[in-house]
Amino acid sequence: MDLQGAAGELSKVHALGAADARSAILERTLVELATSWDPTVRDEQTRNGIVQALCTLLQATFPPPSKVVAKPYGSFISGFYTPGSDLDIALYGEVELNLLPDNVRIELAKLLPPGKETAPMALLDHDARAAVLARPTKELCPS
């Protein structure tokens, strides 16, 4: 609060009484604090850019017939995120069997209809999901 604002608040103390003035100052301070945590347009643009870049990377890393999709969820989607909060992203879709480790591909072939070229990510166990996620990571961070 600047000097002029403080002088204005002080004049309110005389007009409203001490208790009412303290309450008004507290309310103003809380509103200023709350709005200081609001994300900016740039914050939203940055997050949308990250999601778009990830979608582009996934399309390049998992070409058709795979269809791996990134979808944000959580506080960003609900609008309750702050500039410093994380960005929750779920990956879902189908992965081409030839992109999976041999042992995973063999097990999935037993569950899928004959001739099916892709497997839903929901069928993958923890290790297979880790292998899938390693592919775009290698694109982003080559050794």
Protein backbone atom coordinates (compact mmCIF):
# COMPACT_ATOMS: atom_id res chain seq x y z
CA MET A 1 0.00 0.00 0.00
CA ASP A 2 1.43 3.39 -0.96
CA LEU A 3 1.47 6.54 1.20
CA GLN A 4 -1.64 7.99 -0.39
CA GLY A 5 -3.49 4.69 0.13
CA ALA A 6 -2.41 4.58 3.77
CA ALA A 7 -3.61 8.15 4.30
CA GLY A 8 -6.95 7.23 2.76
CA GLU A 9 -7.26 4.23 5.05
CA LEU A 10 -6.41 6.39 8.05
CA SER A 11 -9.18 8.83 7.20
CA LYS A 12 -11.57 5.87 7.07
CA VAL A 13 -10.55 4.98 10.64
CA HIS A 14 -11.90 8.32 11.86
CA ALA A 15 -15.07 8.08 9.76
CA LEU A 16 -15.98 4.45 10.40
CA GLY A 17 -14.57 3.75 13.80
CA ALA A 18 -11.52 1.64 14.55
CA ALA A 19 -13.17 -1.80 14.31
CA ASP A 20 -14.89 -1.09 11.00
CA ALA A 21 -11.73 0.43 9.55
CA ARG A 22 -9.59 -2.56 10.56
CA SER A 23 -12.16 -4.82 8.96
CA ALA A 24 -12.09 -2.77 5.73
CA ILE A 25 -8.27 -2.82 5.65
CA LEU A 26 -8.23 -6.57 6.23
CA GLU A 27 -10.78 -7.13 3.46
CA ARG A 28 -8.82 -4.98 1.01
CA THR A 29 -5.57 -6.77 1.89
CA LEU A 30 -7.17 -10.19 1.42
CA VAL A 31 -8.60 -9.19 -1.96
CA GLU A 32 -5.19 -7.91 -3.09
CA LEU A 33 -3.53 -11.12 -1.89
CA ALA A 34 -6.09 -13.33 -3.63
CA THR A 35 -5.83 -11.48 -6.94
CA SER A 36 -2.03 -11.59 -6.82
CA TRP A 37 -2.31 -15.40 -7.18
CA ASP A 38 -4.48 -15.18 -10.31
CA PRO A 39 -2.78 -16.65 -13.37
CA THR A 40 -2.03 -14.26 -16.20
CA VAL A 41 -2.95 -14.66 -19.86
CA ARG A 42 0.69 -15.59 -20.45
CA ASP A 43 0.44 -18.39 -17.85
CA GLU A 44 -2.53 -19.84 -19.71
CA GLN A 45 -0.82 -19.47 -23.09
CA THR A 46 2.30 -21.21 -21.76
CA ARG A 47 0.31 -24.15 -20.42
CA ASN A 48 -1.69 -24.48 -23.63
CA GLY A 49 1.59 -24.35 -25.58
CA ILE A 50 3.05 -27.15 -23.47
CA VAL A 51 0.01 -29.34 -24.08
CA GLN A 52 0.11 -28.61 -27.83
CA ALA A 53 3.85 -29.33 -28.03
CA LEU A 54 3.35 -32.61 -26.19
CA CYS A 55 0.52 -33.60 -28.57
CA THR A 56 2.78 -32.84 -31.55
CA LEU A 57 5.61 -34.87 -30.02
CA LEU A 58 3.27 -37.80 -29.34
CA GLN A 59 2.01 -37.78 -32.93
CA ALA A 60 5.59 -37.87 -34.21
CA THR A 61 6.71 -40.52 -31.70
CA PHE A 62 3.64 -42.73 -32.14
CA PRO A 63 2.62 -42.46 -35.81
CA PRO A 64 -0.54 -44.16 -37.09
CA PRO A 65 -1.93 -46.66 -36.45
CA SER A 66 -1.01 -45.57 -32.91
CA LYS A 67 -3.10 -42.80 -31.45
CA VAL A 68 -1.69 -41.56 -28.15
CA VAL A 69 -3.38 -38.41 -26.87
CA ALA A 70 -2.39 -35.97 -24.10
CA LYS A 71 -5.21 -34.36 -22.18
CA PRO A 72 -4.79 -31.90 -19.29
CA TYR A 73 -6.92 -32.29 -16.18
CA GLY A 74 -7.01 -30.95 -12.64
CA SER A 75 -6.64 -27.36 -11.51
CA PHE A 76 -5.72 -26.01 -14.95
CA ILE A 77 -8.94 -27.30 -16.48
CA SER A 78 -11.07 -26.26 -13.50
CA GLY A 79 -9.50 -22.78 -13.54
CA PHE A 80 -8.20 -23.02 -9.96
CA TYR A 81 -4.51 -23.19 -10.84
CA THR A 82 -1.94 -20.64 -9.74
CA PRO A 83 1.08 -19.47 -11.73
CA GLY A 84 3.36 -21.85 -9.79
CA SER A 85 1.16 -24.93 -9.77
CA ASP A 86 1.87 -28.09 -11.72
CA LEU A 87 0.20 -29.14 -14.96
CA ASP A 88 -1.58 -32.49 -14.77
CA ILE A 89 -1.64 -34.37 -18.08
CA ALA A 90 -3.12 -37.80 -18.79
CA LEU A 91 -2.00 -39.93 -21.72
CA TYR A 92 -4.48 -42.32 -23.26
CA GLY A 93 -5.24 -44.00 -26.54
CA GLU A 94 -3.80 -46.88 -28.52
CA VAL A 95 -0.19 -47.90 -29.11
CA GLU A 96 1.04 -49.87 -32.10
CA LEU A 97 2.06 -53.34 -30.94
CA ASN A 98 5.38 -53.16 -32.84
CA LEU A 99 6.43 -50.23 -30.63
CA LEU A 100 6.13 -52.30 -27.45
CA PRO A 101 8.74 -54.61 -25.92
CA ASP A 102 8.55 -58.20 -27.25
CA ASN A 103 7.30 -59.74 -24.00
CA VAL A 104 4.48 -57.19 -23.73
CA ARG A 105 3.51 -57.58 -27.39
CA ILE A 106 3.31 -61.38 -27.03
CA GLU A 107 1.07 -61.15 -23.94
CA LEU A 108 -1.21 -58.53 -25.49
CA ALA A 109 -1.57 -60.57 -28.70
CA LYS A 110 -3.32 -63.23 -26.57
CA LEU A 111 -5.92 -60.68 -25.42
CA LEU A 112 -6.57 -58.85 -28.68
CA PRO A 113 -8.55 -59.95 -31.74
CA PRO A 114 -6.44 -61.49 -34.51
CA GLY A 115 -4.94 -58.90 -36.85
CA LYS A 116 -5.32 -55.99 -34.41
CA GLU A 117 -2.28 -53.71 -34.77
CA THR A 118 -2.78 -51.55 -31.67
CA ALA A 119 -3.44 -52.04 -27.98
CA PRO A 120 -5.30 -49.70 -25.63
CA MET A 121 -2.91 -48.10 -23.14
CA ALA A 122 -5.35 -49.16 -20.43
CA LEU A 123 -4.25 -52.78 -21.00
CA LEU A 124 -0.59 -52.00 -20.42
CA ASP A 125 0.98 -52.84 -17.08
CA HIS A 126 3.31 -50.47 -15.23
CA ASP A 127 6.47 -51.62 -17.03
CA ALA A 128 4.86 -51.41 -20.45
CA ARG A 129 3.58 -47.89 -19.72
CA ALA A 130 7.08 -46.91 -18.63
CA ALA A 131 8.43 -48.24 -21.95
CA VAL A 132 5.82 -46.23 -23.84
CA LEU A 133 6.69 -43.05 -21.92
CA ALA A 134 10.40 -43.62 -22.52
CA ARG A 135 9.93 -43.10 -26.28
CA PRO A 136 8.97 -39.39 -26.22
CA THR A 137 11.43 -38.81 -23.37
CA LYS A 138 14.25 -40.02 -25.64
CA GLU A 139 13.05 -37.57 -28.29
CA LEU A 140 13.15 -34.69 -25.80
CA CYS A 141 16.40 -35.67 -24.07
CA PRO A 142 18.67 -37.57 -26.47
CA SER A 143 21.76 -39.04 -24.78
